[in-house]
N, C-alpha and C. Protein backbone atom coordinates (compact mmCIF):
# COMPACT_ATOMS: atom_id res chain seq x y z
N MET A 1 38.38 -5.64 -8.41
CA MET A 1 37.17 -5.54 -7.58
C MET A 1 36.08 -6.45 -8.15
N PRO A 2 35.53 -7.30 -7.23
CA PRO A 2 34.50 -8.21 -7.65
C PRO A 2 33.24 -7.49 -8.03
N PRO A 3 32.43 -8.07 -8.86
CA PRO A 3 31.17 -7.49 -9.26
C PRO A 3 30.24 -7.40 -8.02
N PRO A 4 29.32 -6.45 -7.94
CA PRO A 4 28.44 -6.33 -6.84
C PRO A 4 27.46 -7.63 -6.85
N PRO A 5 27.02 -8.00 -5.71
CA PRO A 5 26.06 -9.10 -5.67
C PRO A 5 24.74 -8.78 -6.36
N ALA A 6 23.99 -9.81 -6.67
CA ALA A 6 22.70 -9.53 -7.25
C ALA A 6 21.81 -8.81 -6.14
N PRO A 7 21.00 -7.85 -6.54
CA PRO A 7 20.18 -7.17 -5.55
C PRO A 7 19.31 -8.18 -4.77
N GLU A 8 18.81 -9.14 -5.39
CA GLU A 8 17.92 -10.18 -4.72
C GLU A 8 18.69 -10.92 -3.59
N SER A 9 20.08 -10.96 -3.67
CA SER A 9 20.76 -11.65 -2.63
C SER A 9 20.71 -10.91 -1.27
N LEU A 10 20.31 -9.71 -1.29
CA LEU A 10 20.25 -8.92 -0.01
C LEU A 10 18.86 -8.89 0.59
N ILE A 11 17.90 -9.42 -0.12
CA ILE A 11 16.58 -9.38 0.47
C ILE A 11 16.15 -10.72 1.05
N PRO A 12 15.25 -10.81 2.02
CA PRO A 12 14.53 -9.64 2.49
C PRO A 12 15.30 -8.62 3.32
N LEU A 13 14.99 -7.39 3.22
CA LEU A 13 15.64 -6.35 4.00
C LEU A 13 14.87 -6.23 5.32
N SER A 14 15.59 -5.75 6.31
CA SER A 14 14.99 -5.40 7.52
C SER A 14 14.10 -4.18 7.31
N PRO A 15 13.01 -4.05 8.08
CA PRO A 15 12.12 -2.86 7.86
C PRO A 15 12.93 -1.52 8.00
N ALA A 16 13.95 -1.47 8.93
CA ALA A 16 14.68 -0.29 9.09
C ALA A 16 15.47 0.09 7.86
N VAL A 17 16.18 -0.95 7.32
CA VAL A 17 16.94 -0.64 6.06
C VAL A 17 16.08 -0.22 4.90
N PHE A 18 14.90 -0.89 4.73
CA PHE A 18 13.99 -0.49 3.70
C PHE A 18 13.48 0.90 3.82
N HIS A 19 13.17 1.26 5.06
CA HIS A 19 12.69 2.62 5.29
C HIS A 19 13.81 3.66 5.06
N ILE A 20 15.01 3.40 5.47
CA ILE A 20 16.11 4.32 5.21
C ILE A 20 16.32 4.46 3.77
N LEU A 21 16.27 3.41 2.96
CA LEU A 21 16.41 3.46 1.52
C LEU A 21 15.37 4.32 0.89
N LEU A 22 14.10 4.11 1.37
CA LEU A 22 12.98 4.93 0.83
C LEU A 22 13.23 6.45 1.12
N SER A 23 13.66 6.67 2.35
CA SER A 23 13.92 8.02 2.75
C SER A 23 14.96 8.78 1.93
N LEU A 24 16.04 7.98 1.59
CA LEU A 24 17.12 8.53 0.79
C LEU A 24 16.83 8.55 -0.69
N ALA A 25 15.70 7.91 -1.10
CA ALA A 25 15.45 7.73 -2.63
C ALA A 25 15.23 9.12 -3.27
N ASP A 26 14.60 10.06 -2.50
CA ASP A 26 14.31 11.38 -3.15
C ASP A 26 15.24 12.51 -2.86
N GLU A 27 16.05 12.34 -1.80
CA GLU A 27 17.06 13.42 -1.46
C GLU A 27 18.08 12.88 -0.46
N ASP A 28 19.30 13.53 -0.52
CA ASP A 28 20.27 13.24 0.53
C ASP A 28 19.78 13.75 1.86
N ARG A 29 20.07 12.97 2.91
CA ARG A 29 19.64 13.37 4.24
C ARG A 29 20.65 13.03 5.30
N HIS A 30 20.73 13.79 6.35
CA HIS A 30 21.53 13.33 7.52
C HIS A 30 20.74 12.46 8.44
N GLY A 31 21.34 11.82 9.32
CA GLY A 31 20.74 10.82 10.19
C GLY A 31 19.44 11.26 10.80
N TYR A 32 19.47 12.45 11.55
CA TYR A 32 18.21 12.85 12.21
C TYR A 32 17.11 13.10 11.22
N ALA A 33 17.46 13.62 10.02
CA ALA A 33 16.45 13.95 9.03
C ALA A 33 15.87 12.68 8.46
N VAL A 34 16.64 11.60 8.43
CA VAL A 34 16.09 10.29 8.03
C VAL A 34 15.03 9.81 9.11
N ILE A 35 15.38 9.99 10.39
CA ILE A 35 14.52 9.54 11.45
C ILE A 35 13.18 10.35 11.34
N GLN A 36 13.27 11.57 11.13
CA GLN A 36 12.05 12.47 10.95
C GLN A 36 11.26 12.07 9.74
N ASP A 37 11.94 11.82 8.59
CA ASP A 37 11.26 11.50 7.34
C ASP A 37 10.50 10.17 7.47
N VAL A 38 11.16 9.16 8.08
CA VAL A 38 10.53 7.91 8.20
C VAL A 38 9.28 7.98 9.09
N ALA A 39 9.40 8.71 10.19
CA ALA A 39 8.23 8.93 11.07
C ALA A 39 7.05 9.63 10.34
N ALA A 40 7.45 10.68 9.48
CA ALA A 40 6.43 11.44 8.75
C ALA A 40 5.77 10.54 7.65
N ARG A 41 6.58 9.78 6.96
CA ARG A 41 6.04 8.90 5.89
C ARG A 41 5.13 7.81 6.43
N THR A 42 5.41 7.39 7.68
CA THR A 42 4.58 6.33 8.19
C THR A 42 3.59 6.75 9.21
N GLY A 43 3.38 8.09 9.30
CA GLY A 43 2.35 8.58 10.20
C GLY A 43 2.73 8.29 11.68
N GLY A 44 3.98 8.22 11.92
CA GLY A 44 4.42 7.93 13.26
C GLY A 44 4.47 6.48 13.67
N GLU A 45 4.01 5.59 12.72
CA GLU A 45 4.02 4.16 12.99
C GLU A 45 5.46 3.56 13.16
N VAL A 46 6.40 4.13 12.38
CA VAL A 46 7.78 3.61 12.55
C VAL A 46 8.65 4.70 13.10
N LYS A 47 9.22 4.41 14.23
CA LYS A 47 10.15 5.35 14.85
C LYS A 47 11.50 4.68 15.02
N LEU A 48 12.43 5.12 14.19
CA LEU A 48 13.78 4.59 14.24
C LEU A 48 14.56 5.19 15.33
N GLY A 49 15.14 4.38 16.17
CA GLY A 49 15.96 4.85 17.22
C GLY A 49 17.37 5.13 16.68
N ALA A 50 18.13 5.99 17.26
CA ALA A 50 19.49 6.41 16.82
C ALA A 50 20.40 5.17 16.72
N GLY A 51 20.36 4.26 17.63
CA GLY A 51 21.15 3.07 17.57
C GLY A 51 20.88 2.24 16.39
N THR A 52 19.56 2.01 16.15
CA THR A 52 19.17 1.19 15.01
C THR A 52 19.54 1.90 13.69
N LEU A 53 19.32 3.23 13.67
CA LEU A 53 19.67 3.97 12.41
C LEU A 53 21.14 3.84 12.10
N TYR A 54 22.01 4.10 13.08
CA TYR A 54 23.49 4.18 12.79
C TYR A 54 24.01 2.79 12.58
N ARG A 55 23.53 1.74 13.26
CA ARG A 55 24.01 0.41 12.98
C ARG A 55 23.58 0.08 11.54
N SER A 56 22.39 0.37 11.16
CA SER A 56 21.91 0.10 9.81
C SER A 56 22.70 0.86 8.75
N ILE A 57 22.94 2.04 9.04
CA ILE A 57 23.71 2.95 8.08
C ILE A 57 25.15 2.39 7.87
N GLN A 58 25.73 1.94 8.96
CA GLN A 58 27.14 1.35 8.85
C GLN A 58 27.07 0.11 7.98
N ARG A 59 26.15 -0.73 8.12
CA ARG A 59 26.02 -1.93 7.35
C ARG A 59 25.71 -1.57 5.88
N MET A 60 24.82 -0.63 5.69
CA MET A 60 24.41 -0.21 4.34
C MET A 60 25.63 0.43 3.57
N LEU A 61 26.44 1.18 4.34
CA LEU A 61 27.71 1.74 3.69
C LEU A 61 28.58 0.50 3.18
N GLU A 62 28.73 -0.44 4.09
CA GLU A 62 29.60 -1.59 3.77
C GLU A 62 29.02 -2.39 2.57
N GLN A 63 27.73 -2.42 2.37
CA GLN A 63 27.05 -3.19 1.31
C GLN A 63 26.86 -2.28 0.05
N ASP A 64 27.36 -1.05 0.06
CA ASP A 64 27.29 -0.18 -1.06
C ASP A 64 25.79 0.12 -1.41
N LEU A 65 24.92 0.17 -0.43
CA LEU A 65 23.53 0.60 -0.67
C LEU A 65 23.48 2.08 -0.60
N ILE A 66 24.29 2.73 0.26
CA ILE A 66 24.39 4.21 0.38
C ILE A 66 25.77 4.58 0.43
N VAL A 67 26.00 5.90 0.27
CA VAL A 67 27.35 6.55 0.43
C VAL A 67 27.19 7.72 1.19
N GLU A 68 28.28 8.05 1.93
CA GLU A 68 28.36 9.42 2.58
C GLU A 68 28.69 10.47 1.60
N THR A 69 28.04 11.56 1.60
CA THR A 69 28.28 12.64 0.63
C THR A 69 28.81 13.82 1.30
N GLU A 70 29.55 14.64 0.60
CA GLU A 70 30.05 15.91 1.14
C GLU A 70 29.12 17.03 0.90
N SER A 71 28.15 16.86 0.01
CA SER A 71 27.27 17.97 -0.31
C SER A 71 26.39 18.31 0.84
N ARG A 72 25.98 19.55 0.99
CA ARG A 72 25.13 20.01 2.10
C ARG A 72 23.94 20.75 1.46
N LEU A 73 22.75 20.60 2.07
CA LEU A 73 21.61 21.20 1.55
C LEU A 73 21.59 22.72 1.82
N ALA A 74 22.18 23.11 2.92
CA ALA A 74 22.30 24.52 3.28
C ALA A 74 23.70 24.80 3.72
N PRO A 75 24.70 24.90 2.77
CA PRO A 75 26.14 25.10 3.18
C PRO A 75 26.19 26.44 3.99
N GLY A 76 26.96 26.32 5.03
CA GLY A 76 27.23 27.51 5.90
C GLY A 76 26.29 27.65 7.02
N THR A 77 25.05 27.12 6.86
CA THR A 77 24.10 27.17 8.01
C THR A 77 23.88 25.80 8.63
N ASP A 78 24.40 24.81 8.04
CA ASP A 78 24.21 23.49 8.52
C ASP A 78 25.40 23.09 9.48
N ASP A 79 25.15 22.26 10.41
CA ASP A 79 26.13 21.80 11.36
C ASP A 79 27.07 20.87 10.61
N GLU A 80 28.43 21.33 10.67
CA GLU A 80 29.42 20.62 9.98
C GLU A 80 29.65 19.15 10.41
N ARG A 81 29.19 18.84 11.66
CA ARG A 81 29.35 17.50 12.18
C ARG A 81 28.33 16.49 11.57
N ARG A 82 27.31 16.99 10.97
CA ARG A 82 26.31 16.13 10.37
C ARG A 82 26.91 15.43 9.09
N ARG A 83 26.53 14.17 9.06
CA ARG A 83 26.97 13.36 7.86
C ARG A 83 25.72 13.14 7.00
N TYR A 84 25.91 13.43 5.75
CA TYR A 84 24.79 13.23 4.83
C TYR A 84 24.98 11.96 3.99
N TYR A 85 23.87 11.31 3.66
CA TYR A 85 23.88 10.05 2.96
C TYR A 85 23.07 10.09 1.74
N ARG A 86 23.50 9.32 0.76
CA ARG A 86 22.80 9.27 -0.52
C ARG A 86 22.68 7.78 -1.00
N ILE A 87 21.54 7.40 -1.56
CA ILE A 87 21.31 6.06 -2.06
C ILE A 87 22.21 5.83 -3.30
N THR A 88 22.74 4.74 -3.48
CA THR A 88 23.58 4.39 -4.65
C THR A 88 22.60 3.78 -5.69
N PRO A 89 23.13 3.67 -6.93
CA PRO A 89 22.34 2.99 -7.96
C PRO A 89 22.09 1.51 -7.55
N PHE A 90 23.09 0.92 -6.87
CA PHE A 90 22.83 -0.48 -6.45
C PHE A 90 21.76 -0.53 -5.29
N GLY A 91 21.80 0.47 -4.38
CA GLY A 91 20.82 0.58 -3.29
C GLY A 91 19.43 0.74 -3.83
N ARG A 92 19.33 1.53 -4.97
CA ARG A 92 18.03 1.66 -5.62
C ARG A 92 17.50 0.35 -6.15
N LYS A 93 18.43 -0.42 -6.81
CA LYS A 93 18.01 -1.74 -7.34
C LYS A 93 17.57 -2.66 -6.23
N VAL A 94 18.27 -2.61 -5.08
CA VAL A 94 17.90 -3.46 -3.93
C VAL A 94 16.54 -3.03 -3.43
N ALA A 95 16.29 -1.74 -3.24
CA ALA A 95 15.00 -1.23 -2.79
C ALA A 95 13.91 -1.58 -3.74
N ARG A 96 14.20 -1.54 -5.04
CA ARG A 96 13.15 -1.97 -5.99
C ARG A 96 12.81 -3.48 -5.84
N ALA A 97 13.88 -4.28 -5.74
CA ALA A 97 13.72 -5.76 -5.53
C ALA A 97 12.87 -6.04 -4.37
N GLU A 98 13.17 -5.34 -3.23
CA GLU A 98 12.40 -5.54 -1.96
C GLU A 98 10.95 -5.11 -2.14
N ALA A 99 10.69 -3.98 -2.83
CA ALA A 99 9.33 -3.48 -3.04
C ALA A 99 8.58 -4.52 -3.92
N GLU A 100 9.20 -5.02 -4.94
CA GLU A 100 8.55 -6.10 -5.74
C GLU A 100 8.25 -7.39 -4.91
N ARG A 101 9.15 -7.70 -4.06
CA ARG A 101 8.92 -8.93 -3.20
C ARG A 101 7.70 -8.65 -2.29
N LEU A 102 7.66 -7.48 -1.75
CA LEU A 102 6.57 -7.13 -0.80
C LEU A 102 5.23 -7.01 -1.64
N ALA A 103 5.22 -6.54 -2.85
CA ALA A 103 4.06 -6.36 -3.69
C ALA A 103 3.58 -7.86 -4.00
N GLY A 104 4.47 -8.75 -4.20
CA GLY A 104 4.15 -10.19 -4.51
C GLY A 104 3.44 -10.80 -3.25
N LEU A 105 3.94 -10.48 -2.08
CA LEU A 105 3.29 -10.99 -0.83
C LEU A 105 1.90 -10.46 -0.68
N VAL A 106 1.69 -9.17 -1.01
CA VAL A 106 0.40 -8.59 -0.91
C VAL A 106 -0.58 -9.27 -1.92
N GLN A 107 -0.03 -9.54 -3.08
CA GLN A 107 -0.85 -10.20 -4.09
C GLN A 107 -1.28 -11.62 -3.69
N LEU A 108 -0.29 -12.33 -3.01
CA LEU A 108 -0.71 -13.65 -2.46
C LEU A 108 -1.75 -13.59 -1.37
N ALA A 109 -1.63 -12.56 -0.54
CA ALA A 109 -2.54 -12.37 0.58
C ALA A 109 -3.96 -12.09 0.02
N ARG A 110 -4.04 -11.24 -1.05
CA ARG A 110 -5.28 -11.02 -1.70
C ARG A 110 -5.95 -12.25 -2.31
N ALA A 111 -5.06 -13.00 -2.99
CA ALA A 111 -5.55 -14.22 -3.61
C ALA A 111 -6.05 -15.28 -2.72
N SER A 112 -5.54 -15.29 -1.47
CA SER A 112 -6.01 -16.26 -0.46
C SER A 112 -7.05 -15.76 0.34
N GLY A 113 -7.49 -14.50 0.08
CA GLY A 113 -8.62 -13.88 0.87
C GLY A 113 -8.26 -13.36 2.24
N VAL A 114 -6.96 -13.28 2.54
CA VAL A 114 -6.52 -12.75 3.81
C VAL A 114 -6.83 -11.27 3.90
N ILE A 115 -6.66 -10.55 2.77
CA ILE A 115 -7.02 -9.16 2.74
C ILE A 115 -7.91 -8.97 1.50
N PRO A 116 -8.90 -8.06 1.59
CA PRO A 116 -9.73 -7.84 0.45
C PRO A 116 -9.07 -7.21 -0.74
N GLY A 117 -9.67 -7.35 -1.90
CA GLY A 117 -9.08 -6.73 -3.10
C GLY A 117 -8.94 -7.68 -4.22
N LYS A 118 -8.52 -7.17 -5.37
CA LYS A 118 -8.31 -8.05 -6.54
C LYS A 118 -7.02 -8.71 -6.46
N ALA A 119 -6.89 -9.89 -6.84
CA ALA A 119 -5.61 -10.64 -6.84
C ALA A 119 -4.70 -10.19 -7.98
């Protein structure tokens, strides 16, 4: 099995993929829970559609950013058809690399005076 690519090779991430990784960073979630979490975290500014979510999830599974997990938050009361996802250690590295890239862009914007604040 070849070694995984460098996390930086996958950035920049699409906003949808970055938001999904952030949503899964603190707990496993099923698709609809990811949609709700992203909307809550962004104050409703980002609304993932089901098509965007599941296309992104499929690609993220292929890239080893996330895995499907068998664990359930509420076994017995949860719909068995729901698929739960978990961020992988590699996915965490990629999310961190993207966050650092975005922080660097904000720093450049501040330094150029585009947004106020310390550079």
